Amino acid sequence: MINSETLKFLKTLEKNNNKEWFDQNRKTYEQAKSNYLDFVGEVLGRMKKIDTSLADLEPKQCVFRINRDVRFSKNKSPYKTNMGASFSKGGKKVQCAGYYFHLEPGASFIGGGFWMPMAPELNKIRQEIDYGLEEFNTILNKKKFKTSFGSLSESEKLTRPPKGYEAENPAIELLKLKSFIVMKEVKDAELTGKELANKIVDHFETMMPLVDFLNMAID
């Protein structure tokens, strides 16, 4: 379970996002980090029974650092105000489709798919969708998938058809996408509940055909 103290730490960090405060509260951070890592371990353990590609993954390979990379950002706050974990074959540093859980008071969500693939992977995914549109649509139109996520996010999308594809292509709206992801909001009241892990695993399992399709495309 996620402890209420972990959420309190993230809320307080948002108001005190500086190194001096963080150093003074490092022990509290370590406790919050440990709690999140334990929770990720619980989710990962269950997912390994469902998705065999995660068999060799360890919780530490899933959880992202709290330090922000501020080199190219106007926002110079040194720390993230969330804790994130990516569950994919090879861990968080491997470019492939997978599952994601984002813990942030007021903005938590369950997600998955492939966010902003590089050009070689993006081209392969588009080609696979073009060739296998019927299969892809079957995945997206399953009742439980639509109930859980609605549809793929269109936050990253071209305004015109990508190079090599005609506007009349029946898959064109999908081919315009630059990310292939789904998301489900998690309310704050759910974060410390006993059912959170069950909900995450259930949603991960629902999106598994999408993850498998995307990874098949780039293999």
N, C-alpha and C. Protein backbone atom coordinates (compact mmCIF):
# COMPACT_ATOMS: atom_id res chain seq x y z
N MET A 1 0.83 -1.20 0.00
CA MET A 1 0.00 0.00 0.00
C MET A 1 0.86 1.25 0.00
N ILE A 2 0.35 2.31 -0.60
CA ILE A 2 1.01 3.61 -0.54
C ILE A 2 0.66 4.26 0.80
N ASN A 3 1.66 4.68 1.53
CA ASN A 3 1.44 5.32 2.83
C ASN A 3 1.01 6.78 2.66
N SER A 4 0.19 7.25 3.57
CA SER A 4 -0.22 8.65 3.53
C SER A 4 0.98 9.58 3.71
N GLU A 5 2.00 9.10 4.44
CA GLU A 5 3.22 9.90 4.65
C GLU A 5 3.95 10.14 3.33
N THR A 6 3.86 9.17 2.42
CA THR A 6 4.50 9.32 1.10
C THR A 6 3.83 10.44 0.32
N LEU A 7 2.51 10.48 0.36
CA LEU A 7 1.78 11.55 -0.32
C LEU A 7 2.05 12.90 0.32
N LYS A 8 2.12 12.91 1.63
CA LYS A 8 2.41 14.16 2.35
C LYS A 8 3.78 14.70 1.96
N PHE A 9 4.76 13.80 1.81
CA PHE A 9 6.10 14.23 1.41
C PHE A 9 6.05 14.90 0.03
N LEU A 10 5.35 14.29 -0.93
CA LEU A 10 5.29 14.85 -2.27
C LEU A 10 4.58 16.19 -2.29
N LYS A 11 3.53 16.34 -1.50
CA LYS A 11 2.82 17.61 -1.41
C LYS A 11 3.71 18.70 -0.82
N THR A 12 4.45 18.35 0.21
CA THR A 12 5.33 19.32 0.87
C THR A 12 6.51 19.68 -0.03
N LEU A 13 7.01 18.70 -0.77
CA LEU A 13 8.11 18.95 -1.70
C LEU A 13 7.69 19.96 -2.76
N GLU A 14 6.46 19.87 -3.21
CA GLU A 14 5.98 20.80 -4.23
C GLU A 14 6.09 22.25 -3.77
N LYS A 15 5.92 22.48 -2.46
CA LYS A 15 5.98 23.84 -1.90
C LYS A 15 7.40 24.24 -1.48
N ASN A 16 8.29 23.23 -1.45
CA ASN A 16 9.66 23.49 -0.96
C ASN A 16 10.68 22.83 -1.89
N ASN A 17 10.56 23.11 -3.17
CA ASN A 17 11.38 22.42 -4.16
C ASN A 17 12.76 23.07 -4.28
N ASN A 18 13.59 22.80 -3.29
CA ASN A 18 14.95 23.33 -3.28
C ASN A 18 15.86 22.36 -2.54
N LYS A 19 17.14 22.42 -2.83
CA LYS A 19 18.09 21.46 -2.30
C LYS A 19 18.23 21.54 -0.78
N GLU A 20 18.18 22.75 -0.25
CA GLU A 20 18.35 22.91 1.20
C GLU A 20 17.25 22.18 1.95
N TRP A 21 16.00 22.37 1.53
CA TRP A 21 14.88 21.69 2.20
C TRP A 21 14.98 20.18 2.00
N PHE A 22 15.33 19.78 0.79
CA PHE A 22 15.40 18.35 0.49
C PHE A 22 16.46 17.67 1.35
N ASP A 23 17.61 18.31 1.49
CA ASP A 23 18.67 17.72 2.31
C ASP A 23 18.24 17.59 3.77
N GLN A 24 17.48 18.58 4.24
CA GLN A 24 17.01 18.54 5.63
C GLN A 24 15.96 17.46 5.84
N ASN A 25 15.29 17.07 4.77
CA ASN A 25 14.22 16.08 4.86
C ASN A 25 14.55 14.79 4.10
N ARG A 26 15.83 14.53 3.94
CA ARG A 26 16.26 13.36 3.17
C ARG A 26 15.78 12.05 3.78
N LYS A 27 15.74 11.97 5.10
CA LYS A 27 15.28 10.74 5.75
C LYS A 27 13.82 10.46 5.39
N THR A 28 13.00 11.52 5.38
CA THR A 28 11.59 11.37 5.01
C THR A 28 11.47 10.93 3.56
N TYR A 29 12.33 11.50 2.71
CA TYR A 29 12.34 11.10 1.30
C TYR A 29 12.69 9.62 1.16
N GLU A 30 13.71 9.17 1.89
CA GLU A 30 14.14 7.77 1.80
C GLU A 30 13.01 6.83 2.22
N GLN A 31 12.25 7.24 3.21
CA GLN A 31 11.11 6.42 3.65
C GLN A 31 10.03 6.37 2.58
N ALA A 32 9.77 7.52 1.95
CA ALA A 32 8.77 7.58 0.88
C ALA A 32 9.23 6.76 -0.32
N LYS A 33 10.50 6.88 -0.65
CA LYS A 33 11.06 6.13 -1.77
C LYS A 33 10.96 4.63 -1.53
N SER A 34 11.27 4.21 -0.32
CA SER A 34 11.20 2.80 0.05
C SER A 34 9.78 2.28 -0.04
N ASN A 35 8.82 3.10 0.42
CA ASN A 35 7.41 2.71 0.35
C ASN A 35 6.97 2.53 -1.11
N TYR A 36 7.36 3.47 -1.97
CA TYR A 36 6.99 3.38 -3.38
C TYR A 36 7.65 2.18 -4.04
N LEU A 37 8.91 1.93 -3.70
CA LEU A 37 9.64 0.80 -4.27
C LEU A 37 8.99 -0.52 -3.86
N ASP A 38 8.56 -0.62 -2.61
CA ASP A 38 7.86 -1.82 -2.14
C ASP A 38 6.55 -2.01 -2.91
N PHE A 39 5.84 -0.92 -3.14
CA PHE A 39 4.58 -0.99 -3.87
C PHE A 39 4.81 -1.43 -5.31
N VAL A 40 5.83 -0.87 -5.93
CA VAL A 40 6.19 -1.25 -7.30
C VAL A 40 6.55 -2.73 -7.35
N GLY A 41 7.25 -3.20 -6.33
CA GLY A 41 7.60 -4.62 -6.25
C GLY A 41 6.38 -5.51 -6.19
N GLU A 42 5.36 -5.05 -5.47
CA GLU A 42 4.11 -5.81 -5.37
C GLU A 42 3.43 -5.89 -6.74
N VAL A 43 3.33 -4.75 -7.42
CA VAL A 43 2.70 -4.72 -8.75
C VAL A 43 3.51 -5.56 -9.74
N LEU A 44 4.83 -5.41 -9.71
CA LEU A 44 5.69 -6.16 -10.63
C LEU A 44 5.57 -7.66 -10.42
N GLY A 45 5.53 -8.07 -9.17
CA GLY A 45 5.39 -9.49 -8.87
C GLY A 45 4.14 -10.09 -9.49
N ARG A 46 3.05 -9.33 -9.44
CA ARG A 46 1.80 -9.81 -10.04
C ARG A 46 1.86 -9.78 -11.56
N MET A 47 2.49 -8.76 -12.11
CA MET A 47 2.57 -8.63 -13.56
C MET A 47 3.45 -9.72 -14.19
N LYS A 48 4.45 -10.18 -13.48
CA LYS A 48 5.32 -11.22 -14.01
C LYS A 48 4.55 -12.50 -14.31
N LYS A 49 3.45 -12.71 -13.59
CA LYS A 49 2.62 -13.90 -13.81
C LYS A 49 1.74 -13.73 -15.05
N ILE A 50 1.59 -12.50 -15.50
CA ILE A 50 0.72 -12.19 -16.64
C ILE A 50 1.53 -11.94 -17.91
N ASP A 51 2.61 -11.17 -17.78
CA ASP A 51 3.46 -10.80 -18.92
C ASP A 51 4.86 -11.37 -18.69
N THR A 52 5.18 -12.44 -19.37
CA THR A 52 6.46 -13.14 -19.15
C THR A 52 7.67 -12.32 -19.59
N SER A 53 7.45 -11.27 -20.41
CA SER A 53 8.58 -10.45 -20.84
C SER A 53 9.18 -9.65 -19.68
N LEU A 54 8.45 -9.59 -18.55
CA LEU A 54 8.92 -8.84 -17.38
C LEU A 54 9.65 -9.74 -16.38
N ALA A 55 9.85 -11.00 -16.73
CA ALA A 55 10.35 -12.00 -15.79
C ALA A 55 11.65 -11.62 -15.11
N ASP A 56 12.57 -10.99 -15.83
CA ASP A 56 13.89 -10.68 -15.28
C ASP A 56 13.99 -9.27 -14.69
N LEU A 57 12.87 -8.57 -14.65
CA LEU A 57 12.87 -7.18 -14.19
C LEU A 57 12.86 -7.10 -12.67
N GLU A 58 13.60 -6.14 -12.13
CA GLU A 58 13.62 -5.87 -10.69
C GLU A 58 13.02 -4.49 -10.43
N PRO A 59 12.41 -4.28 -9.25
CA PRO A 59 11.77 -2.99 -8.96
C PRO A 59 12.67 -1.77 -9.19
N LYS A 60 13.94 -1.88 -8.84
CA LYS A 60 14.86 -0.74 -9.00
C LYS A 60 15.05 -0.36 -10.47
N GLN A 61 14.83 -1.33 -11.37
CA GLN A 61 14.95 -1.04 -12.80
C GLN A 61 13.72 -0.31 -13.33
N CYS A 62 12.69 -0.24 -12.53
CA CYS A 62 11.42 0.38 -12.96
C CYS A 62 11.27 1.83 -12.50
N VAL A 63 11.80 2.14 -11.33
CA VAL A 63 11.52 3.43 -10.69
C VAL A 63 12.48 4.52 -11.18
N PHE A 64 11.91 5.66 -11.53
CA PHE A 64 12.71 6.79 -12.02
C PHE A 64 13.28 7.61 -10.86
N ARG A 65 14.39 8.25 -11.11
CA ARG A 65 15.03 9.13 -10.13
C ARG A 65 14.13 10.34 -9.88
N ILE A 66 14.23 10.89 -8.68
CA ILE A 66 13.42 12.07 -8.34
C ILE A 66 14.08 13.35 -8.82
N ASN A 67 15.37 13.30 -9.11
CA ASN A 67 16.08 14.48 -9.60
C ASN A 67 15.64 14.81 -11.03
N ARG A 68 15.40 16.07 -11.28
CA ARG A 68 15.03 16.52 -12.62
C ARG A 68 16.27 16.87 -13.43
N ASP A 69 16.21 16.68 -14.73
CA ASP A 69 17.25 17.14 -15.64
C ASP A 69 16.86 18.55 -16.08
N VAL A 70 17.53 19.54 -15.53
CA VAL A 70 17.13 20.93 -15.76
C VAL A 70 17.99 21.62 -16.83
N ARG A 71 18.86 20.87 -17.48
CA ARG A 71 19.81 21.49 -18.43
C ARG A 71 19.11 22.24 -19.55
N PHE A 72 18.02 21.69 -20.07
CA PHE A 72 17.34 22.31 -21.21
C PHE A 72 15.93 22.77 -20.86
N SER A 73 15.68 22.98 -19.58
CA SER A 73 14.34 23.35 -19.12
C SER A 73 14.33 24.75 -18.51
N LYS A 74 13.26 25.48 -18.78
CA LYS A 74 13.10 26.79 -18.15
C LYS A 74 12.78 26.64 -16.67
N ASN A 75 12.15 25.52 -16.33
CA ASN A 75 11.84 25.22 -14.93
C ASN A 75 13.09 24.63 -14.27
N LYS A 76 13.68 25.36 -13.37
CA LYS A 76 14.94 24.94 -12.75
C LYS A 76 14.73 24.27 -11.39
N SER A 77 13.48 23.93 -11.05
CA SER A 77 13.24 23.19 -9.81
C SER A 77 14.01 21.87 -9.87
N PRO A 78 14.80 21.56 -8.84
CA PRO A 78 15.70 20.40 -8.93
C PRO A 78 15.03 19.04 -8.79
N TYR A 79 13.79 18.98 -8.30
CA TYR A 79 13.17 17.68 -8.01
C TYR A 79 11.79 17.54 -8.66
N LYS A 80 11.49 16.32 -9.06
CA LYS A 80 10.14 16.00 -9.52
C LYS A 80 9.22 15.96 -8.31
N THR A 81 7.98 16.29 -8.50
CA THR A 81 7.00 16.22 -7.41
C THR A 81 6.12 14.99 -7.58
N ASN A 82 6.67 14.00 -8.25
CA ASN A 82 5.97 12.74 -8.44
C ASN A 82 6.95 11.58 -8.30
N MET A 83 6.41 10.37 -8.23
CA MET A 83 7.21 9.16 -8.31
C MET A 83 6.63 8.32 -9.45
N GLY A 84 7.49 7.92 -10.37
CA GLY A 84 7.03 7.18 -11.53
C GLY A 84 7.74 5.86 -11.67
N ALA A 85 7.04 4.88 -12.26
CA ALA A 85 7.63 3.56 -12.49
C ALA A 85 7.18 3.03 -13.84
N SER A 86 8.15 2.56 -14.63
CA SER A 86 7.89 1.99 -15.93
C SER A 86 8.16 0.49 -15.89
N PHE A 87 7.17 -0.28 -16.31
CA PHE A 87 7.29 -1.73 -16.32
C PHE A 87 7.38 -2.19 -17.78
N SER A 88 8.60 -2.45 -18.25
CA SER A 88 8.77 -2.91 -19.63
C SER A 88 10.00 -3.81 -19.70
N LYS A 89 10.05 -4.66 -20.69
CA LYS A 89 11.17 -5.59 -20.80
C LYS A 89 12.48 -4.81 -20.92
N GLY A 90 13.42 -5.14 -20.06
CA GLY A 90 14.70 -4.45 -20.07
C GLY A 90 14.77 -3.25 -19.15
N GLY A 91 13.62 -2.81 -18.62
CA GLY A 91 13.63 -1.71 -17.67
C GLY A 91 13.37 -0.35 -18.29
N LYS A 92 13.45 0.67 -17.46
CA LYS A 92 13.02 2.03 -17.83
C LYS A 92 13.89 2.66 -18.92
N LYS A 93 15.11 2.17 -19.12
CA LYS A 93 16.02 2.79 -20.08
C LYS A 93 15.91 2.21 -21.47
N VAL A 94 15.09 1.18 -21.66
CA VAL A 94 14.95 0.51 -22.95
C VAL A 94 13.81 1.13 -23.75
N GLN A 95 14.05 1.41 -25.03
CA GLN A 95 13.02 1.98 -25.91
C GLN A 95 12.07 0.89 -26.38
N CYS A 96 10.96 0.76 -25.71
CA CYS A 96 9.94 -0.20 -26.13
C CYS A 96 8.62 0.16 -25.45
N ALA A 97 7.56 -0.55 -25.83
CA ALA A 97 6.25 -0.33 -25.21
C ALA A 97 6.22 -1.00 -23.84
N GLY A 98 5.42 -0.44 -22.94
CA GLY A 98 5.31 -1.01 -21.60
C GLY A 98 4.18 -0.38 -20.82
N TYR A 99 4.27 -0.50 -19.51
CA TYR A 99 3.22 -0.05 -18.59
C TYR A 99 3.83 1.01 -17.66
N TYR A 100 2.99 1.90 -17.13
CA TYR A 100 3.52 3.00 -16.32
C TYR A 100 2.53 3.36 -15.21
N PHE A 101 3.07 3.64 -14.02
CA PHE A 101 2.25 4.17 -12.93
C PHE A 101 2.88 5.44 -12.40
N HIS A 102 2.09 6.49 -12.36
CA HIS A 102 2.53 7.82 -11.97
C HIS A 102 1.85 8.21 -10.67
N LEU A 103 2.63 8.41 -9.62
CA LEU A 103 2.11 8.80 -8.31
C LEU A 103 2.38 10.27 -8.08
N GLU A 104 1.32 11.06 -8.03
CA GLU A 104 1.44 12.50 -7.80
C GLU A 104 0.10 13.01 -7.28
N PRO A 105 0.05 13.48 -6.04
CA PRO A 105 -1.22 13.98 -5.50
C PRO A 105 -1.89 14.96 -6.46
N GLY A 106 -3.13 14.66 -6.81
CA GLY A 106 -3.87 15.50 -7.72
C GLY A 106 -3.66 15.20 -9.19
N ALA A 107 -2.70 14.31 -9.50
CA ALA A 107 -2.41 14.04 -10.91
C ALA A 107 -1.90 12.62 -11.14
N SER A 108 -2.34 11.67 -10.33
CA SER A 108 -1.88 10.28 -10.47
C SER A 108 -2.62 9.61 -11.63
N PHE A 109 -1.92 8.67 -12.29
CA PHE A 109 -2.58 7.95 -13.38
C PHE A 109 -1.87 6.63 -13.68
N ILE A 110 -2.63 5.74 -14.30
CA ILE A 110 -2.13 4.48 -14.84
C ILE A 110 -2.00 4.68 -16.34
N GLY A 111 -0.87 4.32 -16.90
CA GLY A 111 -0.68 4.52 -18.33
C GLY A 111 0.05 3.36 -18.97
N GLY A 112 0.17 3.44 -20.28
CA GLY A 112 0.90 2.40 -20.98
C GLY A 112 0.90 2.60 -22.47
N GLY A 113 1.73 1.83 -23.16
CA GLY A 113 1.89 1.96 -24.59
C GLY A 113 3.32 2.37 -24.91
N PHE A 114 3.49 3.24 -25.90
CA PHE A 114 4.83 3.68 -26.32
C PHE A 114 4.77 5.19 -26.49
N TRP A 115 5.47 5.91 -25.59
CA TRP A 115 5.47 7.37 -25.62
C TRP A 115 6.63 7.89 -26.47
N MET A 116 6.32 8.66 -27.49
CA MET A 116 7.30 9.34 -28.34
C MET A 116 8.45 8.43 -28.80
N PRO A 117 8.14 7.36 -29.52
CA PRO A 117 9.22 6.52 -30.04
C PRO A 117 10.11 7.30 -31.00
N MET A 118 11.37 6.91 -31.07
CA MET A 118 12.31 7.53 -32.02
C MET A 118 11.89 7.16 -33.44
N ALA A 119 12.42 7.88 -34.41
CA ALA A 119 11.99 7.72 -35.81
C ALA A 119 12.02 6.28 -36.31
N PRO A 120 13.08 5.50 -36.07
CA PRO A 120 13.07 4.12 -36.58
C PRO A 120 11.93 3.28 -36.01
N GLU A 121 11.70 3.39 -34.71
CA GLU A 121 10.62 2.64 -34.07
C GLU A 121 9.25 3.18 -34.51
N LEU A 122 9.13 4.49 -34.61
CA LEU A 122 7.87 5.11 -35.03
C LEU A 122 7.48 4.65 -36.44
N ASN A 123 8.45 4.60 -37.34
CA ASN A 123 8.17 4.15 -38.71
C ASN A 123 7.71 2.70 -38.74
N LYS A 124 8.32 1.86 -37.91
CA LYS A 124 7.93 0.45 -37.86
C LYS A 124 6.51 0.29 -37.31
N ILE A 125 6.18 1.07 -36.28
CA ILE A 125 4.84 1.01 -35.70
C ILE A 125 3.80 1.45 -36.72
N ARG A 126 4.07 2.54 -37.42
CA ARG A 126 3.13 3.02 -38.43
C ARG A 126 2.93 1.98 -39.53
N GLN A 127 4.02 1.36 -39.93
CA GLN A 127 3.92 0.34 -40.97
C GLN A 127 3.08 -0.85 -40.50
N GLU A 128 3.26 -1.24 -39.23
CA GLU A 128 2.51 -2.38 -38.69
C GLU A 128 1.02 -2.03 -38.57
N ILE A 129 0.71 -0.81 -38.19
CA ILE A 129 -0.69 -0.38 -38.11
C ILE A 129 -1.31 -0.36 -39.50
N ASP A 130 -0.55 0.14 -40.48
CA ASP A 130 -1.04 0.19 -41.85
C ASP A 130 -1.35 -1.22 -42.37
N TYR A 131 -0.44 -2.15 -42.11
CA TYR A 131 -0.63 -3.52 -42.58
C TYR A 131 -1.67 -4.28 -41.76
N GLY A 132 -1.71 -3.99 -40.47
CA GLY A 132 -2.56 -4.77 -39.57
C GLY A 132 -3.64 -3.94 -38.92
N LEU A 133 -4.27 -3.06 -39.69
CA LEU A 133 -5.26 -2.14 -39.13
C LEU A 133 -6.43 -2.88 -38.47
N GLU A 134 -6.88 -3.95 -39.10
CA GLU A 134 -8.01 -4.69 -38.54
C GLU A 134 -7.67 -5.25 -37.17
N GLU A 135 -6.48 -5.83 -37.04
CA GLU A 135 -6.04 -6.36 -35.74
C GLU A 135 -5.90 -5.25 -34.71
N PHE A 136 -5.33 -4.12 -35.13
CA PHE A 136 -5.12 -3.00 -34.21
C PHE A 136 -6.45 -2.43 -33.74
N ASN A 137 -7.39 -2.28 -34.67
CA ASN A 137 -8.71 -1.76 -34.30
C ASN A 137 -9.45 -2.72 -33.37
N THR A 138 -9.24 -4.01 -33.56
CA THR A 138 -9.86 -4.99 -32.68
C THR A 138 -9.40 -4.79 -31.24
N ILE A 139 -8.09 -4.51 -31.08
CA ILE A 139 -7.53 -4.24 -29.75
C ILE A 139 -8.17 -2.99 -29.14
N LEU A 140 -8.23 -1.93 -29.93
CA LEU A 140 -8.72 -0.64 -29.43
C LEU A 140 -10.22 -0.64 -29.16
N ASN A 141 -10.95 -1.52 -29.85
CA ASN A 141 -12.41 -1.50 -29.74
C ASN A 141 -12.97 -2.54 -28.79
N LYS A 142 -12.10 -3.29 -28.13
CA LYS A 142 -12.61 -4.24 -27.14
C LYS A 142 -13.33 -3.47 -26.04
N LYS A 143 -14.44 -4.03 -25.60
CA LYS A 143 -15.31 -3.33 -24.66
C LYS A 143 -14.57 -2.90 -23.39
N LYS A 144 -13.80 -3.81 -22.80
CA LYS A 144 -13.11 -3.47 -21.55
C LYS A 144 -12.04 -2.40 -21.78
N PHE A 145 -11.36 -2.48 -22.94
CA PHE A 145 -10.35 -1.47 -23.28
C PHE A 145 -10.99 -0.10 -23.38
N LYS A 146 -12.10 -0.01 -24.10
CA LYS A 146 -12.77 1.28 -24.29
C LYS A 146 -13.34 1.80 -22.98
N THR A 147 -13.87 0.91 -22.16
CA THR A 147 -14.41 1.31 -20.86
C THR A 147 -13.30 1.84 -19.95
N SER A 148 -12.14 1.20 -20.01
CA SER A 148 -11.02 1.58 -19.13
C SER A 148 -10.32 2.85 -19.58
N PHE A 149 -10.10 2.98 -20.90
CA PHE A 149 -9.24 4.06 -21.39
C PHE A 149 -9.89 4.99 -22.41
N GLY A 150 -11.01 4.58 -22.98
CA GLY A 150 -11.60 5.38 -24.05
C GLY A 150 -10.90 5.09 -25.36
N SER A 151 -9.85 5.84 -25.64
CA SER A 151 -9.10 5.65 -26.88
C SER A 151 -7.65 6.08 -26.66
N LEU A 152 -6.84 5.93 -27.69
CA LEU A 152 -5.45 6.38 -27.60
C LEU A 152 -5.40 7.90 -27.42
N SER A 153 -4.43 8.34 -26.64
CA SER A 153 -4.25 9.78 -26.45
C SER A 153 -3.84 10.44 -27.76
N GLU A 154 -4.39 11.61 -28.03
CA GLU A 154 -4.04 12.35 -29.25
C GLU A 154 -3.26 13.61 -28.91
N SER A 155 -2.62 13.63 -27.76
CA SER A 155 -1.86 14.81 -27.34
C SER A 155 -0.63 15.05 -28.21
N GLU A 156 -0.12 13.98 -28.81
CA GLU A 156 1.03 14.10 -29.71
C GLU A 156 0.60 13.60 -31.07
N LYS A 157 0.27 14.54 -31.98
CA LYS A 157 -0.29 14.12 -33.27
C LYS A 157 0.06 15.11 -34.37
N LEU A 158 0.37 14.59 -35.54
CA LEU A 158 0.65 15.42 -36.70
C LEU A 158 -0.66 16.03 -37.22
N THR A 159 -0.55 17.18 -37.86
CA THR A 159 -1.73 17.79 -38.48
C THR A 159 -1.92 17.29 -39.91
N ARG A 160 -0.84 16.78 -40.51
CA ARG A 160 -0.90 16.26 -41.87
C ARG A 160 -0.43 14.80 -41.89
N PRO A 161 -0.76 14.06 -42.94
CA PRO A 161 -0.32 12.67 -43.02
C PRO A 161 1.21 12.58 -42.98
N PRO A 162 1.75 11.57 -42.32
CA PRO A 162 3.20 11.40 -42.32
C PRO A 162 3.70 11.03 -43.71
N LYS A 163 4.97 11.27 -43.94
CA LYS A 163 5.57 11.00 -45.25
C LYS A 163 5.37 9.54 -45.64
N GLY A 164 4.90 9.33 -46.88
CA GLY A 164 4.72 7.97 -47.38
C GLY A 164 3.30 7.46 -47.27
N TYR A 165 2.39 8.27 -46.66
CA TYR A 165 1.01 7.83 -46.48
C TYR A 165 0.04 8.86 -47.07
N GLU A 166 -0.99 8.36 -47.71
CA GLU A 166 -2.00 9.23 -48.32
C GLU A 166 -3.09 9.59 -47.33
N ALA A 167 -3.70 10.74 -47.54
CA ALA A 167 -4.77 11.22 -46.66
C ALA A 167 -5.97 10.28 -46.67
N GLU A 168 -6.13 9.52 -47.76
CA GLU A 168 -7.28 8.62 -47.89
C GLU A 168 -7.06 7.28 -47.19
N ASN A 169 -5.87 7.06 -46.67
CA ASN A 169 -5.57 5.79 -45.98
C ASN A 169 -6.57 5.60 -44.84
N PRO A 170 -7.23 4.44 -44.74
CA PRO A 170 -8.22 4.23 -43.67
C PRO A 170 -7.63 4.30 -42.27
N ALA A 171 -6.32 4.18 -42.15
CA ALA A 171 -5.67 4.24 -40.85
C ALA A 171 -5.05 5.60 -40.57
N ILE A 172 -5.34 6.60 -41.41
CA ILE A 172 -4.56 7.84 -41.38
C ILE A 172 -4.58 8.55 -40.04
N GLU A 173 -5.71 8.56 -39.32
CA GLU A 173 -5.75 9.26 -38.04
C GLU A 173 -4.85 8.59 -37.01
N LEU A 174 -4.73 7.28 -37.07
CA LEU A 174 -3.81 6.55 -36.19
C LEU A 174 -2.37 6.77 -36.63
N LEU A 175 -2.15 6.85 -37.95
CA LEU A 175 -0.79 7.02 -38.47
C LEU A 175 -0.24 8.41 -38.18
N LYS A 176 -1.11 9.37 -37.91
CA LYS A 176 -0.66 10.72 -37.56
C LYS A 176 -0.10 10.80 -36.14
N LEU A 177 -0.42 9.82 -35.32
CA LEU A 177 0.02 9.85 -33.93
C LEU A 177 1.54 9.75 -33.83
N LYS A 178 2.09 10.47 -32.86
CA LYS A 178 3.53 10.38 -32.57
C LYS A 178 3.79 9.59 -31.29
N SER A 179 2.74 9.36 -30.51
CA SER A 179 2.76 8.50 -29.33
C SER A 179 1.56 7.56 -29.41
N PHE A 180 1.72 6.40 -28.81
CA PHE A 180 0.64 5.41 -28.81
C PHE A 180 0.41 4.98 -27.37
N ILE A 181 -0.33 5.82 -26.65
CA ILE A 181 -0.48 5.62 -25.21
C ILE A 181 -1.93 5.73 -24.78
N VAL A 182 -2.22 5.08 -23.65
CA VAL A 182 -3.52 5.22 -23.00
C VAL A 182 -3.28 5.61 -21.54
N MET A 183 -4.27 6.25 -20.94
CA MET A 183 -4.14 6.72 -19.57
C MET A 183 -5.46 6.57 -18.82
N LYS A 184 -5.35 6.34 -17.52
CA LYS A 184 -6.51 6.27 -16.65
C LYS A 184 -6.21 7.02 -15.36
N GLU A 185 -7.00 8.02 -15.06
CA GLU A 185 -6.81 8.82 -13.85
C GLU A 185 -7.03 7.97 -12.60
N VAL A 186 -6.22 8.25 -11.58
CA VAL A 186 -6.40 7.63 -10.26
C VAL A 186 -6.64 8.75 -9.27
N LYS A 187 -7.75 8.72 -8.60
CA LYS A 187 -8.10 9.78 -7.66
C LYS A 187 -7.29 9.64 -6.37
N ASP A 188 -7.07 10.76 -5.70
CA ASP A 188 -6.28 10.76 -4.47
C ASP A 188 -6.84 9.80 -3.42
N ALA A 189 -8.16 9.71 -3.35
CA ALA A 189 -8.80 8.85 -2.35
C ALA A 189 -8.46 7.38 -2.55
N GLU A 190 -8.05 7.01 -3.78
CA GLU A 190 -7.72 5.62 -4.09
C GLU A 190 -6.28 5.26 -3.76
N LEU A 191 -5.43 6.28 -3.60
CA LEU A 191 -3.99 6.03 -3.55
C LEU A 191 -3.53 5.25 -2.33
N THR A 192 -4.20 5.42 -1.21
CA THR A 192 -3.80 4.70 0.00
C THR A 192 -4.70 3.50 0.29
N GLY A 193 -5.55 3.16 -0.66
CA GLY A 193 -6.48 2.04 -0.47
C GLY A 193 -5.85 0.69 -0.78
N LYS A 194 -6.45 -0.34 -0.25
CA LYS A 194 -5.95 -1.70 -0.44
C LYS A 194 -6.15 -2.20 -1.86
N GLU A 195 -7.06 -1.57 -2.60
CA GLU A 195 -7.39 -2.05 -3.94
C GLU A 195 -6.54 -1.42 -5.05
N LEU A 196 -5.63 -0.51 -4.69
CA LEU A 196 -4.87 0.20 -5.72
C LEU A 196 -4.05 -0.75 -6.58
N ALA A 197 -3.31 -1.66 -5.97
CA ALA A 197 -2.49 -2.60 -6.72
C ALA A 197 -3.35 -3.44 -7.66
N ASN A 198 -4.51 -3.88 -7.16
CA ASN A 198 -5.42 -4.66 -8.00
C ASN A 198 -5.88 -3.86 -9.21
N LYS A 199 -6.20 -2.59 -8.98
CA LYS A 199 -6.67 -1.74 -10.07
C LYS A 199 -5.57 -1.54 -11.11
N ILE A 200 -4.35 -1.31 -10.67
CA ILE A 200 -3.24 -1.09 -11.59
C ILE A 200 -2.99 -2.34 -12.44
N VAL A 201 -2.91 -3.48 -11.79
CA VAL A 201 -2.65 -4.74 -12.50
C VAL A 201 -3.79 -5.04 -13.49
N ASP A 202 -5.01 -4.80 -13.09
CA ASP A 202 -6.16 -5.04 -13.96
C ASP A 202 -6.09 -4.17 -15.22
N HIS A 203 -5.72 -2.90 -15.03
CA HIS A 203 -5.60 -2.00 -16.18
C HIS A 203 -4.38 -2.35 -17.04
N PHE A 204 -3.30 -2.75 -16.42
CA PHE A 204 -2.13 -3.20 -17.18
C PHE A 204 -2.49 -4.41 -18.05
N GLU A 205 -3.23 -5.34 -17.47
CA GLU A 205 -3.61 -6.54 -18.21
C GLU A 205 -4.53 -6.18 -19.38
N THR A 206 -5.40 -5.19 -19.18
CA THR A 206 -6.30 -4.76 -20.24
C THR A 206 -5.54 -4.14 -21.41
N MET A 207 -4.45 -3.43 -21.11
CA MET A 207 -3.68 -2.80 -22.18
C MET A 207 -2.59 -3.71 -22.76
N MET A 208 -2.45 -4.90 -22.23
CA MET A 208 -1.38 -5.81 -22.66
C MET A 208 -1.41 -6.11 -24.16
N PRO A 209 -2.58 -6.35 -24.79
CA PRO A 209 -2.58 -6.57 -26.24
C PRO A 209 -2.02 -5.39 -27.03
N LEU A 210 -2.26 -4.16 -26.55
CA LEU A 210 -1.70 -2.97 -27.19
C LEU A 210 -0.18 -2.98 -27.05
N VAL A 211 0.31 -3.25 -25.86
CA VAL A 211 1.76 -3.30 -25.61
C VAL A 211 2.40 -4.38 -26.48
N ASP A 212 1.78 -5.52 -26.56
CA ASP A 212 2.32 -6.63 -27.36
C ASP A 212 2.37 -6.26 -28.84
N PHE A 213 1.32 -5.62 -29.34
CA PHE A 213 1.27 -5.21 -30.75
C PHE A 213 2.40 -4.25 -31.07
N LEU A 214 2.60 -3.26 -30.21
CA LEU A 214 3.64 -2.24 -30.45
C LEU A 214 5.03 -2.85 -30.38
N ASN A 215 5.25 -3.76 -29.43
CA ASN A 215 6.57 -4.39 -29.32
C ASN A 215 6.83 -5.35 -30.47
N MET A 216 5.80 -6.02 -30.95
CA MET A 216 5.94 -6.88 -32.13
C MET A 216 6.37 -6.05 -33.33
N ALA A 217 5.83 -4.84 -33.44
CA ALA A 217 6.13 -3.98 -34.57
C ALA A 217 7.61 -3.59 -34.62
N ILE A 218 8.22 -3.38 -33.47
CA ILE A 218 9.60 -2.88 -33.45
C ILE A 218 10.64 -4.00 -33.31
N ASP A 219 10.22 -5.22 -33.05
CA ASP A 219 11.17 -6.34 -32.90
C ASP A 219 11.79 -6.69 -34.25
